[in-house]
Amino acid sequence: MMTLEIVDAHHHFWNLDKNYYPWLADREEKHFFLGDYSSLKRNYLPDEYKQDARDFKIIATVHVEAEWDRDDQVGETAWLHQIFRDNGMPNAVVGHVWLASKDCEKILNKHQQFKLFRGVRSKPITSLNPDHATPNGAGSMHDPNWRHGLSVLERLGLSYDLRVPYWHLHEAADVLGVHSNLQVALNHTGFPWDRSKKGINLWKNAMRAIAACPNVCVKLSELGLKNAPWTIESNRGVVLDTIEIFGIERCMWASNFPVAGLKISYKDQLDGMLEIMRELRSSDLQKIFSENAIRFYKISLPQQNPVS
């Protein structure tokens, strides 16, 4: 049993019997980054999470929006507060709003009526690969309305979870550098999908660009690849390079479960990450695995451990 206290900075719940998630209910995402995800089309709730995380001392968790019905953007936040009342988790909520929408601020104000709401994840339109031209239409990071949405987040003191592949990080750095008071969490280690020497060099250059924005931190999460297994050997360099680029104070571990479970179990993933970071000081591990997430998401720790 682990003695390290852990905050999972990124996971999802869904109840497909009661709530509507188009990507899980009635359509397949043909470009899904991990390939076939049919095994995700089942309920995933606190009982399932606790079973997955049973070998670790999880003291708090952060739920990130899971593409709930976009016609009901506040519904997921409200539902998660019911889950919290019944289970003591999640302990912070990252919701959704279309940043480019005219009613962005109105919807954010509704989210803010719920005490665990901390910010949003709103995915800009992106290219499928580095060879495609950067999208610059509605909903992209070049969209003035989308950038206005960032300004609203900044003014309201809310955080932003950024989910883009690495070839959009230079662009993101230009955009986010203007919003120096907006706290940003880069999701999933910048998606280092191309593990060739050239691909890793491009990814590292992109990570250095976004790390130059002092208001951006990074989640050490979702290192899964569509056509390769999750291994310590393949992910060691990515994790250690990220820590070197961002620094200990701006890195936080996250499971991305149940999605990451397509490639690896919760236990094997977390054991692997701990093995990769085995040379770090215990104080640095505490920052990466709990303290940084507590600070970023302003988490009030529960009286009792919600998992173990």
C-alpha atoms as a PDB file:
ATOM      1  CA  MET A   1       0.000   0.000   0.000  1.00  0.00           C
ATOM      2  CA  MET A   2       1.322   3.410  -0.956  1.00  0.00           C
ATOM      3  CA  THR A   3       1.969   5.963   1.790  1.00  0.00           C
ATOM      4  CA  LEU A   4       2.246   8.867  -0.656  1.00  0.00           C
ATOM      5  CA  GLU A   5      -0.877  11.028  -0.528  1.00  0.00           C
ATOM      6  CA  ILE A   6      -2.167  11.575  -4.054  1.00  0.00           C
ATOM      7  CA  VAL A   7      -4.503  14.026  -5.741  1.00  0.00           C
ATOM      8  CA  ASP A   8      -5.689  12.802  -9.127  1.00  0.00           C
ATOM      9  CA  ALA A   9      -5.755  16.017 -11.154  1.00  0.00           C
ATOM     10  CA  HIS A  10      -7.759  14.701 -14.119  1.00  0.00           C
ATOM     11  CA  HIS A  11     -10.374  11.966 -14.419  1.00  0.00           C
ATOM     12  CA  HIS A  12     -13.931  11.452 -15.639  1.00  0.00           C
ATOM     13  CA  PHE A  13     -17.230   9.999 -14.449  1.00  0.00           C
ATOM     14  CA  TRP A  14     -20.254   9.140 -16.551  1.00  0.00           C
ATOM     15  CA  ASN A  15     -23.602   7.456 -16.074  1.00  0.00           C
ATOM     16  CA  LEU A  16     -24.831   6.449 -19.518  1.00  0.00           C
ATOM     17  CA  ASP A  17     -28.149   5.245 -18.113  1.00  0.00           C
ATOM     18  CA  LYS A  18     -29.095   8.741 -16.965  1.00  0.00           C
ATOM     19  CA  ASN A  19     -27.007  11.287 -18.875  1.00  0.00           C
ATOM     20  CA  TYR A  20     -26.222  11.974 -22.524  1.00  0.00           C
ATOM     21  CA  TYR A  21     -22.695  11.928 -23.935  1.00  0.00           C
ATOM     22  CA  PRO A  22     -22.925  11.905 -27.750  1.00  0.00           C
ATOM     23  CA  TRP A  23     -19.463  10.378 -28.252  1.00  0.00           C
ATOM     24  CA  LEU A  24     -20.341   7.485 -25.949  1.00  0.00           C
ATOM     25  CA  ALA A  25     -24.002   7.074 -26.855  1.00  0.00           C
ATOM     26  CA  ASP A  26     -24.582   7.491 -30.550  1.00  0.00           C
ATOM     27  CA  ARG A  27     -21.460   8.177 -32.554  1.00  0.00           C
ATOM     28  CA  GLU A  28     -17.912   6.961 -32.983  1.00  0.00           C
ATOM     29  CA  GLU A  29     -15.040   9.428 -33.026  1.00  0.00           C
ATOM     30  CA  LYS A  30     -13.142   8.042 -35.999  1.00  0.00           C
ATOM     31  CA  HIS A  31     -10.024  10.025 -35.126  1.00  0.00           C
ATOM     32  CA  PHE A  32     -10.001   9.101 -31.419  1.00  0.00           C
ATOM     33  CA  PHE A  33      -6.384   9.275 -30.328  1.00  0.00           C
ATOM     34  CA  LEU A  34      -6.299   5.818 -28.731  1.00  0.00           C
ATOM     35  CA  GLY A  35      -8.225   4.010 -31.451  1.00  0.00           C
ATOM     36  CA  ASP A  36     -11.173   1.761 -30.604  1.00  0.00           C
ATOM     37  CA  TYR A  37     -12.838   2.985 -27.424  1.00  0.00           C
ATOM     38  CA  SER A  38     -15.957   0.809 -27.381  1.00  0.00           C
ATOM     39  CA  SER A  39     -15.008  -0.562 -23.949  1.00  0.00           C
ATOM     40  CA  LEU A  40     -15.557   2.917 -22.488  1.00  0.00           C
ATOM     41  CA  LYS A  41     -19.263   2.743 -23.301  1.00  0.00           C
ATOM     42  CA  ARG A  42     -20.244   1.697 -19.802  1.00  0.00           C
ATOM     43  CA  ASN A  43     -20.981   3.536 -16.597  1.00  0.00           C
ATOM     44  CA  TYR A  44     -17.921   4.797 -14.767  1.00  0.00           C
ATOM     45  CA  LEU A  45     -18.745   6.157 -11.331  1.00  0.00           C
ATOM     46  CA  PRO A  46     -17.025   6.504  -7.935  1.00  0.00           C
ATOM     47  CA  ASP A  47     -17.358   2.801  -7.126  1.00  0.00           C
ATOM     48  CA  GLU A  48     -15.526   1.874 -10.336  1.00  0.00           C
ATOM     49  CA  TYR A  49     -12.906   4.554  -9.738  1.00  0.00           C
ATOM     50  CA  LYS A  50     -12.299   3.427  -6.168  1.00  0.00           C
ATOM     51  CA  GLN A  51     -11.842  -0.132  -7.349  1.00  0.00           C
ATOM     52  CA  ASP A  52      -9.296   0.989  -9.949  1.00  0.00           C
ATOM     53  CA  ALA A  53      -7.404   3.149  -7.429  1.00  0.00           C
ATOM     54  CA  ARG A  54      -7.687   0.779  -4.467  1.00  0.00           C
ATOM     55  CA  ASP A  55      -3.925   0.306  -4.063  1.00  0.00           C
ATOM     56  CA  PHE A  56      -3.229   3.997  -3.492  1.00  0.00           C
ATOM     57  CA  LYS A  57      -4.044   6.728  -1.014  1.00  0.00           C
ATOM     58  CA  ILE A  58      -6.095   9.110  -3.139  1.00  0.00           C
ATOM     59  CA  ILE A  59      -7.003  12.078  -0.955  1.00  0.00           C
ATOM     60  CA  ALA A  60      -8.846  14.165  -3.570  1.00  0.00           C
ATOM     61  CA  THR A  61      -9.708  14.212  -7.265  1.00  0.00           C
ATOM     62  CA  VAL A  62     -10.430  16.690 -10.051  1.00  0.00           C
ATOM     63  CA  HIS A  63     -13.176  15.902 -12.546  1.00  0.00           C
ATOM     64  CA  VAL A  64     -12.661  17.324 -16.029  1.00  0.00           C
ATOM     65  CA  GLU A  65     -15.587  17.691 -18.415  1.00  0.00           C
ATOM     66  CA  ALA A  66     -16.350  14.544 -20.396  1.00  0.00           C
ATOM     67  CA  GLU A  67     -18.208  15.944 -23.426  1.00  0.00           C
ATOM     68  CA  TRP A  68     -21.612  15.888 -21.786  1.00  0.00           C
ATOM     69  CA  ASP A  69     -24.501  17.062 -23.976  1.00  0.00           C
ATOM     70  CA  ARG A  70     -23.382  20.492 -25.213  1.00  0.00           C
ATOM     71  CA  ASP A  71     -26.972  21.747 -25.172  1.00  0.00           C
ATOM     72  CA  ASP A  72     -26.854  21.476 -21.371  1.00  0.00           C
ATOM     73  CA  GLN A  73     -23.418  22.774 -20.459  1.00  0.00           C
ATOM     74  CA  VAL A  74     -24.139  23.353 -16.770  1.00  0.00           C
ATOM     75  CA  GLY A  75     -25.896  20.006 -16.322  1.00  0.00           C
ATOM     76  CA  GLU A  76     -22.671  18.077 -15.831  1.00  0.00           C
ATOM     77  CA  THR A  77     -21.487  20.447 -13.110  1.00  0.00           C
ATOM     78  CA  ALA A  78     -24.804  20.121 -11.280  1.00  0.00           C
ATOM     79  CA  TRP A  79     -24.736  16.310 -11.564  1.00  0.00           C
ATOM     80  CA  LEU A  80     -21.167  16.125 -10.253  1.00  0.00           C
ATOM     81  CA  HIS A  81     -22.216  18.000  -7.137  1.00  0.00           C
ATOM     82  CA  GLN A  82     -24.785  15.278  -6.512  1.00  0.00           C
ATOM     83  CA  ILE A  83     -21.997  12.724  -6.942  1.00  0.00           C
ATOM     84  CA  PHE A  84     -19.875  14.678  -4.468  1.00  0.00           C
ATOM     85  CA  ARG A  85     -22.647  14.795  -1.875  1.00  0.00           C
ATOM     86  CA  ASP A  86     -23.064  11.027  -2.081  1.00  0.00           C
ATOM     87  CA  ASN A  87     -19.397  10.021  -2.393  1.00  0.00           C
ATOM     88  CA  GLY A  88     -17.118  12.821  -1.179  1.00  0.00           C
ATOM     89  CA  MET A  89     -15.590  13.130  -4.646  1.00  0.00           C
ATOM     90  CA  PRO A  90     -14.704  14.760  -6.963  1.00  0.00           C
ATOM     91  CA  ASN A  91     -13.260  17.664  -5.000  1.00  0.00           C
ATOM     92  CA  ALA A  92     -12.943  20.130  -7.869  1.00  0.00           C
ATOM     93  CA  VAL A  93     -14.847  20.408 -11.145  1.00  0.00           C
ATOM     94  CA  VAL A  94     -13.616  21.623 -14.525  1.00  0.00           C
ATOM     95  CA  GLY A  95     -16.724  22.250 -16.599  1.00  0.00           C
ATOM     96  CA  HIS A  96     -17.424  23.262 -20.158  1.00  0.00           C
ATOM     97  CA  VAL A  97     -18.479  26.354 -22.040  1.00  0.00           C
ATOM     98  CA  TRP A  98     -17.914  27.253 -25.665  1.00  0.00           C
ATOM     99  CA  LEU A  99     -15.447  30.103 -25.251  1.00  0.00           C
ATOM    100  CA  ALA A 100     -16.445  31.648 -28.566  1.00  0.00           C
ATOM    101  CA  SER A 101     -20.169  31.720 -27.769  1.00  0.00           C
ATOM    102  CA  LYS A 102     -22.012  34.968 -27.155  1.00  0.00           C
ATOM    103  CA  ASP A 103     -23.450  33.624 -23.909  1.00  0.00           C
ATOM    104  CA  CYS A 104     -20.094  32.443 -22.562  1.00  0.00           C
ATOM    105  CA  GLU A 105     -20.138  34.691 -19.505  1.00  0.00           C
ATOM    106  CA  LYS A 106     -23.780  33.926 -18.745  1.00  0.00           C
ATOM    107  CA  ILE A 107     -23.068  30.192 -18.707  1.00  0.00           C
ATOM    108  CA  LEU A 108     -19.942  30.684 -16.595  1.00  0.00           C
ATOM    109  CA  ASN A 109     -22.001  32.590 -14.054  1.00  0.00           C
ATOM    110  CA  LYS A 110     -24.342  29.602 -13.819  1.00  0.00           C
ATOM    111  CA  HIS A 111     -21.397  27.253 -13.319  1.00  0.00           C
ATOM    112  CA  GLN A 112     -20.118  29.503 -10.540  1.00  0.00           C
ATOM    113  CA  GLN A 113     -23.239  28.855  -8.489  1.00  0.00           C
ATOM    114  CA  PHE A 114     -21.688  25.457  -7.681  1.00  0.00           C
ATOM    115  CA  LYS A 115     -18.979  25.470  -5.003  1.00  0.00           C
ATOM    116  CA  LEU A 116     -16.613  22.936  -6.599  1.00  0.00           C
ATOM    117  CA  PHE A 117     -16.467  24.659  -9.992  1.00  0.00           C
ATOM    118  CA  ARG A 118     -12.972  25.949 -10.726  1.00  0.00           C
ATOM    119  CA  GLY A 119     -12.706  26.525 -14.468  1.00  0.00           C
ATOM    120  CA  VAL A 120     -13.358  25.095 -17.899  1.00  0.00           C
ATOM    121  CA  ARG A 121     -11.930  22.935 -20.598  1.00  0.00           C
ATOM    122  CA  SER A 122     -13.022  24.146 -24.024  1.00  0.00           C
ATOM    123  CA  LYS A 123     -11.241  22.442 -26.903  1.00  0.00           C
ATOM    124  CA  PRO A 124     -10.319  24.761 -29.787  1.00  0.00           C
ATOM    125  CA  ILE A 125     -10.473  23.464 -33.334  1.00  0.00           C
ATOM    126  CA  THR A 126      -7.145  21.850 -34.190  1.00  0.00           C
ATOM    127  CA  SER A 127      -5.374  20.167 -37.103  1.00  0.00           C
ATOM    128  CA  LEU A 128      -5.261  16.381 -37.343  1.00  0.00           C
ATOM    129  CA  ASN A 129      -1.487  16.386 -37.769  1.00  0.00           C
ATOM    130  CA  PRO A 130       1.442  18.819 -38.053  1.00  0.00           C
ATOM    131  CA  ASP A 131       1.320  18.791 -41.849  1.00  0.00           C
ATOM    132  CA  HIS A 132      -2.128  20.373 -42.020  1.00  0.00           C
ATOM    133  CA  ALA A 133      -2.455  24.129 -42.049  1.00  0.00           C
ATOM    134  CA  THR A 134      -3.371  25.644 -38.694  1.00  0.00           C
ATOM    135  CA  PRO A 135      -7.138  26.179 -38.544  1.00  0.00           C
ATOM    136  CA  ASN A 136      -8.008  29.823 -38.208  1.00  0.00           C
ATOM    137  CA  GLY A 137     -11.783  29.861 -38.426  1.00  0.00           C
ATOM    138  CA  ALA A 138     -14.569  29.974 -35.860  1.00  0.00           C
ATOM    139  CA  GLY A 139     -13.714  28.101 -32.697  1.00  0.00           C
ATOM    140  CA  SER A 140      -9.962  28.103 -33.310  1.00  0.00           C
ATOM    141  CA  MET A 141      -7.417  29.870 -31.136  1.00  0.00           C
ATOM    142  CA  HIS A 142      -7.305  32.583 -33.818  1.00  0.00           C
ATOM    143  CA  ASP A 143     -11.016  33.308 -33.422  1.00  0.00           C
ATOM    144  CA  PRO A 144     -11.438  36.743 -31.748  1.00  0.00           C
ATOM    145  CA  ASN A 145     -14.567  35.473 -30.006  1.00  0.00           C
ATOM    146  CA  TRP A 146     -12.643  32.501 -28.606  1.00  0.00           C
ATOM    147  CA  ARG A 147      -9.929  34.822 -27.327  1.00  0.00           C
ATOM    148  CA  HIS A 148     -12.591  37.014 -25.757  1.00  0.00           C
ATOM    149  CA  GLY A 149     -13.774  33.943 -23.870  1.00  0.00           C
ATOM    150  CA  LEU A 150     -10.283  33.589 -22.416  1.00  0.00           C
ATOM    151  CA  SER A 151     -10.491  37.194 -21.256  1.00  0.00           C
ATOM    152  CA  VAL A 152     -13.757  36.413 -19.487  1.00  0.00           C
ATOM    153  CA  LEU A 153     -12.170  33.449 -17.699  1.00  0.00           C
ATOM    154  CA  GLU A 154      -9.267  35.647 -16.654  1.00  0.00           C
ATOM    155  CA  ARG A 155     -11.539  38.391 -15.341  1.00  0.00           C
ATOM    156  CA  LEU A 156     -13.649  35.929 -13.353  1.00  0.00           C
ATOM    157  CA  GLY A 157     -10.588  34.285 -11.804  1.00  0.00           C
ATOM    158  CA  LEU A 158     -11.318  30.895 -13.366  1.00  0.00           C
ATOM    159  CA  SER A 159      -8.760  28.439 -14.717  1.00  0.00           C
ATOM    160  CA  TYR A 160      -8.444  27.007 -18.212  1.00  0.00           C
ATOM    161  CA  ASP A 161      -7.587  23.422 -19.121  1.00  0.00           C
ATOM    162  CA  LEU A 162      -5.862  23.419 -22.517  1.00  0.00           C
ATOM    163  CA  ARG A 163      -6.112  20.255 -24.601  1.00  0.00           C
ATOM    164  CA  VAL A 164      -4.287  20.497 -27.922  1.00  0.00           C
ATOM    165  CA  PRO A 165      -1.615  18.350 -29.625  1.00  0.00           C
ATOM    166  CA  TYR A 166       1.951  19.575 -29.432  1.00  0.00           C
ATOM    167  CA  TRP A 167       1.954  21.149 -32.896  1.00  0.00           C
ATOM    168  CA  HIS A 168      -0.454  23.810 -31.614  1.00  0.00           C
ATOM    169  CA  LEU A 169       1.592  24.751 -28.548  1.00  0.00           C
ATOM    170  CA  HIS A 170       3.566  27.553 -30.215  1.00  0.00           C
ATOM    171  CA  GLU A 171       0.251  29.056 -31.246  1.00  0.00           C
ATOM    172  CA  ALA A 172      -1.160  28.542 -27.747  1.00  0.00           C
ATOM    173  CA  ALA A 173       1.865  30.243 -26.221  1.00  0.00           C
ATOM    174  CA  ASP A 174       1.252  33.335 -28.346  1.00  0.00           C
ATOM    175  CA  VAL A 175      -2.399  33.439 -27.297  1.00  0.00           C
ATOM    176  CA  LEU A 176      -1.982  32.634 -23.612  1.00  0.00           C
ATOM    177  CA  GLY A 177       0.978  34.927 -23.159  1.00  0.00           C
ATOM    178  CA  VAL A 178      -1.441  37.830 -23.505  1.00  0.00           C
ATOM    179  CA  HIS A 179      -3.523  36.519 -20.590  1.00  0.00           C
ATOM    180  CA  SER A 180      -0.841  36.475 -17.930  1.00  0.00           C
ATOM    181  CA  ASN A 181      -3.320  36.309 -15.041  1.00  0.00           C
ATOM    182  CA  LEU A 182      -5.172  33.297 -16.448  1.00  0.00           C
ATOM    183  CA  GLN A 183      -4.069  30.064 -14.797  1.00  0.00           C
ATOM    184  CA  VAL A 184      -3.724  27.336 -17.442  1.00  0.00           C
ATOM    185  CA  ALA A 185      -3.259  23.573 -17.154  1.00  0.00           C
ATOM    186  CA  LEU A 186      -1.889  21.895 -20.271  1.00  0.00           C
ATOM    187  CA  ASN A 187      -3.536  18.482 -20.538  1.00  0.00           C
ATOM    188  CA  HIS A 188      -1.848  15.166 -21.184  1.00  0.00           C
ATOM    189  CA  THR A 189       1.803  16.168 -21.425  1.00  0.00           C
ATOM    190  CA  GLY A 190       1.146  18.001 -24.690  1.00  0.00           C
ATOM    191  CA  PHE A 191       0.266  14.727 -26.461  1.00  0.00           C
ATOM    192  CA  PRO A 192       3.713  13.481 -27.564  1.00  0.00           C
ATOM    193  CA  TRP A 193       2.215  11.074 -30.083  1.00  0.00           C
ATOM    194  CA  ASP A 194       5.190  10.970 -32.463  1.00  0.00           C
ATOM    195  CA  ARG A 195       7.969   9.163 -30.599  1.00  0.00           C
ATOM    196  CA  SER A 196      10.464   9.287 -33.458  1.00  0.00           C
ATOM    197  CA  LYS A 197      13.599  11.347 -32.828  1.00  0.00           C
ATOM    198  CA  LYS A 198      12.233  14.112 -35.041  1.00  0.00           C
ATOM    199  CA  GLY A 199       8.824  13.967 -33.374  1.00  0.00           C
ATOM    200  CA  ILE A 200      10.268  14.157 -29.869  1.00  0.00           C
ATOM    201  CA  ASN A 201      12.437  17.127 -30.829  1.00  0.00           C
ATOM    202  CA  LEU A 202       9.405  18.951 -32.245  1.00  0.00           C
ATOM    203  CA  TRP A 203       7.407  18.118 -29.113  1.00  0.00           C
ATOM    204  CA  LYS A 204      10.188  19.356 -26.810  1.00  0.00           C
ATOM    205  CA  ASN A 205      10.512  22.623 -28.718  1.00  0.00           C
ATOM    206  CA  ALA A 206       6.759  23.117 -28.470  1.00  0.00           C
ATOM    207  CA  MET A 207       6.779  22.329 -24.746  1.00  0.00           C
ATOM    208  CA  ARG A 208       9.547  24.874 -24.197  1.00  0.00           C
ATOM    209  CA  ALA A 209       7.452  27.485 -26.007  1.00  0.00           C
ATOM    210  CA  ILE A 210       4.372  26.958 -23.846  1.00  0.00           C
ATOM    211  CA  ALA A 211       6.455  26.610 -20.665  1.00  0.00           C
ATOM    212  CA  ALA A 212       7.820  30.098 -21.326  1.00  0.00           C
ATOM    213  CA  CYS A 213       4.386  31.304 -20.193  1.00  0.00           C
ATOM    214  CA  PRO A 214       4.751  31.308 -16.384  1.00  0.00           C
ATOM    215  CA  ASN A 215       0.982  30.979 -15.934  1.00  0.00           C
ATOM    216  CA  VAL A 216       0.924  27.539 -17.614  1.00  0.00           C
ATOM    217  CA  CYS A 217       1.425  24.273 -15.745  1.00  0.00           C
ATOM    218  CA  VAL A 218       1.254  20.744 -17.157  1.00  0.00           C
ATOM    219  CA  LYS A 219      -0.462  17.492 -16.293  1.00  0.00           C
ATOM    220  CA  LEU A 220       1.778  14.439 -16.421  1.00  0.00           C
ATOM    221  CA  SER A 221      -0.977  12.310 -17.867  1.00  0.00           C
ATOM    222  CA  GLU A 222      -2.222  10.250 -20.791  1.00  0.00           C
ATOM    223  CA  LEU A 223       0.928   8.912 -22.342  1.00  0.00           C
ATOM    224  CA  GLY A 224      -1.019   6.248 -24.199  1.00  0.00           C
ATOM    225  CA  LEU A 225      -0.387   5.652 -27.903  1.00  0.00           C
ATOM    226  CA  LYS A 226      -2.774   4.211 -30.461  1.00  0.00           C
ATOM    227  CA  ASN A 227      -0.411   1.573 -31.834  1.00  0.00           C
ATOM    228  CA  ALA A 228       1.986   0.869 -28.973  1.00  0.00           C
ATOM    229  CA  PRO A 229       1.771  -0.341 -25.368  1.00  0.00           C
ATOM    230  CA  TRP A 230       2.304   1.888 -22.337  1.00  0.00           C
ATOM    231  CA  THR A 231       5.794   1.106 -21.033  1.00  0.00           C
ATOM    232  CA  ILE A 232       8.194   2.690 -18.594  1.00  0.00           C
ATOM    233  CA  GLU A 233      10.933   2.591 -21.216  1.00  0.00           C
ATOM    234  CA  SER A 234       8.917   4.466 -23.837  1.00  0.00           C
ATOM    235  CA  ASN A 235       7.598   7.093 -21.423  1.00  0.00           C
ATOM    236  CA  ARG A 236      10.582   7.752 -19.155  1.00  0.00           C
ATOM    237  CA  GLY A 237      12.142  10.402 -21.385  1.00  0.00           C
ATOM    238  CA  VAL A 238       8.841  12.168 -22.017  1.00  0.00           C
ATOM    239  CA  VAL A 239       8.068  12.459 -18.310  1.00  0.00           C
ATOM    240  CA  LEU A 240      11.550  13.531 -17.231  1.00  0.00           C
ATOM    241  CA  ASP A 241      11.884  16.003 -20.113  1.00  0.00           C
ATOM    242  CA  THR A 242       8.552  17.557 -19.143  1.00  0.00           C
ATOM    243  CA  ILE A 243       9.626  17.951 -15.521  1.00  0.00           C
ATOM    244  CA  GLU A 244      12.907  19.520 -16.639  1.00  0.00           C
ATOM    245  CA  ILE A 245      11.146  21.931 -18.999  1.00  0.00           C
ATOM    246  CA  PHE A 246       8.367  23.049 -16.629  1.00  0.00           C
ATOM    247  CA  GLY A 247      10.021  22.541 -13.249  1.00  0.00           C
ATOM    248  CA  ILE A 248       8.678  20.650 -10.255  1.00  0.00           C
ATOM    249  CA  GLU A 249       6.348  23.466  -9.190  1.00  0.00           C
ATOM    250  CA  ARG A 250       4.387  23.373 -12.453  1.00  0.00           C
ATOM    251  CA  CYS A 251       3.831  19.629 -12.900  1.00  0.00           C
ATOM    252  CA  MET A 252       0.964  17.549 -11.535  1.00  0.00           C
ATOM    253  CA  TRP A 253       0.141  13.905 -12.026  1.00  0.00           C
ATOM    254  CA  ALA A 254      -3.256  12.825 -13.334  1.00  0.00           C
ATOM    255  CA  SER A 255      -4.731   9.453 -14.294  1.00  0.00           C
ATOM    256  CA  ASN A 256      -7.150  10.384 -17.096  1.00  0.00           C
ATOM    257  CA  PHE A 257      -9.222   7.387 -16.067  1.00  0.00           C
ATOM    258  CA  PRO A 258     -11.187   5.641 -17.374  1.00  0.00           C
ATOM    259  CA  VAL A 259      -9.861   6.727 -20.798  1.00  0.00           C
ATOM    260  CA  ALA A 260      -6.260   5.793 -20.007  1.00  0.00           C
ATOM    261  CA  GLY A 261      -7.550   2.357 -19.018  1.00  0.00           C
ATOM    262  CA  LEU A 262      -7.767   1.532 -22.704  1.00  0.00           C
ATOM    263  CA  LYS A 263      -4.000   1.034 -22.592  1.00  0.00           C
ATOM    264  CA  ILE A 264      -3.003   0.358 -18.988  1.00  0.00           C
ATOM    265  CA  SER A 265      -4.451  -0.319 -15.544  1.00  0.00           C
ATOM    266  CA  TYR A 266      -4.571   2.423 -12.931  1.00  0.00           C
ATOM    267  CA  LYS A 267      -2.077   0.546 -10.755  1.00  0.00           C
ATOM    268  CA  ASP A 268       0.384  -0.162 -13.546  1.00  0.00           C
ATOM    269  CA  GLN A 269       0.224   3.423 -14.771  1.00  0.00           C
ATOM    270  CA  LEU A 270       0.827   4.968 -11.364  1.00  0.00           C
ATOM    271  CA  ASP A 271       3.474   2.412 -10.429  1.00  0.00           C
ATOM    272  CA  GLY A 272       5.178   3.183 -13.741  1.00  0.00           C
ATOM    273  CA  MET A 273       5.113   6.922 -13.142  1.00  0.00           C
ATOM    274  CA  LEU A 274       6.532   6.468  -9.657  1.00  0.00           C
ATOM    275  CA  GLU A 275       9.298   4.268 -11.028  1.00  0.00           C
ATOM    276  CA  ILE A 276      10.151   6.894 -13.645  1.00  0.00           C
ATOM    277  CA  MET A 277      10.360   9.547 -10.899  1.00  0.00           C
ATOM    278  CA  ARG A 278      12.102   7.359  -8.333  1.00  0.00           C
ATOM    279  CA  GLU A 279      15.172   9.639  -8.188  1.00  0.00           C
ATOM    280  CA  LEU A 280      13.143  12.687  -7.163  1.00  0.00           C
ATOM    281  CA  ARG A 281      13.146  13.861  -3.560  1.00  0.00           C
ATOM    282  CA  SER A 282      10.093  12.986  -1.483  1.00  0.00           C
ATOM    283  CA  SER A 283       9.232  16.681  -1.193  1.00  0.00           C
ATOM    284  CA  ASP A 284       9.208  16.971  -4.990  1.00  0.00           C
ATOM    285  CA  LEU A 285       6.985  13.909  -5.303  1.00  0.00           C
ATOM    286  CA  GLN A 286       4.549  15.464  -2.852  1.00  0.00           C
ATOM    287  CA  LYS A 287       4.338  18.541  -5.055  1.00  0.00           C
ATOM    288  CA  ILE A 288       3.783  16.596  -8.272  1.00  0.00           C
ATOM    289  CA  PHE A 289       1.332  14.104  -6.793  1.00  0.00           C
ATOM    290  CA  SER A 290      -0.730  16.392  -4.561  1.00  0.00           C
ATOM    291  CA  GLU A 291       0.410  19.852  -3.536  1.00  0.00           C
ATOM    292  CA  ASN A 292       0.514  21.466  -6.974  1.00  0.00           C
ATOM    293  CA  ALA A 293      -2.991  20.267  -7.858  1.00  0.00           C
ATOM    294  CA  ILE A 294      -4.345  21.390  -4.484  1.00  0.00           C
ATOM    295  CA  ARG A 295      -2.935  24.856  -5.113  1.00  0.00           C
ATOM    296  CA  PHE A 296      -3.960  25.126  -8.768  1.00  0.00           C
ATOM    297  CA  TYR A 297      -7.537  23.916  -8.287  1.00  0.00           C
ATOM    298  CA  LYS A 298      -7.983  25.459  -4.821  1.00  0.00           C
ATOM    299  CA  ILE A 299      -8.994  22.123  -3.348  1.00  0.00           C
ATOM    300  CA  SER A 300     -10.371  21.844   0.159  1.00  0.00           C
ATOM    301  CA  LEU A 301      -9.308  18.417   1.332  1.00  0.00           C
ATOM    302  CA  PRO A 302     -12.090  16.155   2.623  1.00  0.00           C
ATOM    303  CA  GLN A 303     -12.214  15.088   6.255  1.00  0.00           C
ATOM    304  CA  GLN A 304     -11.933  11.454   5.197  1.00  0.00           C
ATOM    305  CA  ASN A 305     -10.048   9.794   2.362  1.00  0.00           C
ATOM    306  CA  PRO A 306     -12.634   9.226  -0.412  1.00  0.00           C
ATOM    307  CA  VAL A 307     -10.910   6.163  -1.855  1.00  0.00           C
ATOM    308  CA  SER A 308      -8.775   4.107   0.529  1.00  0.00           C
END
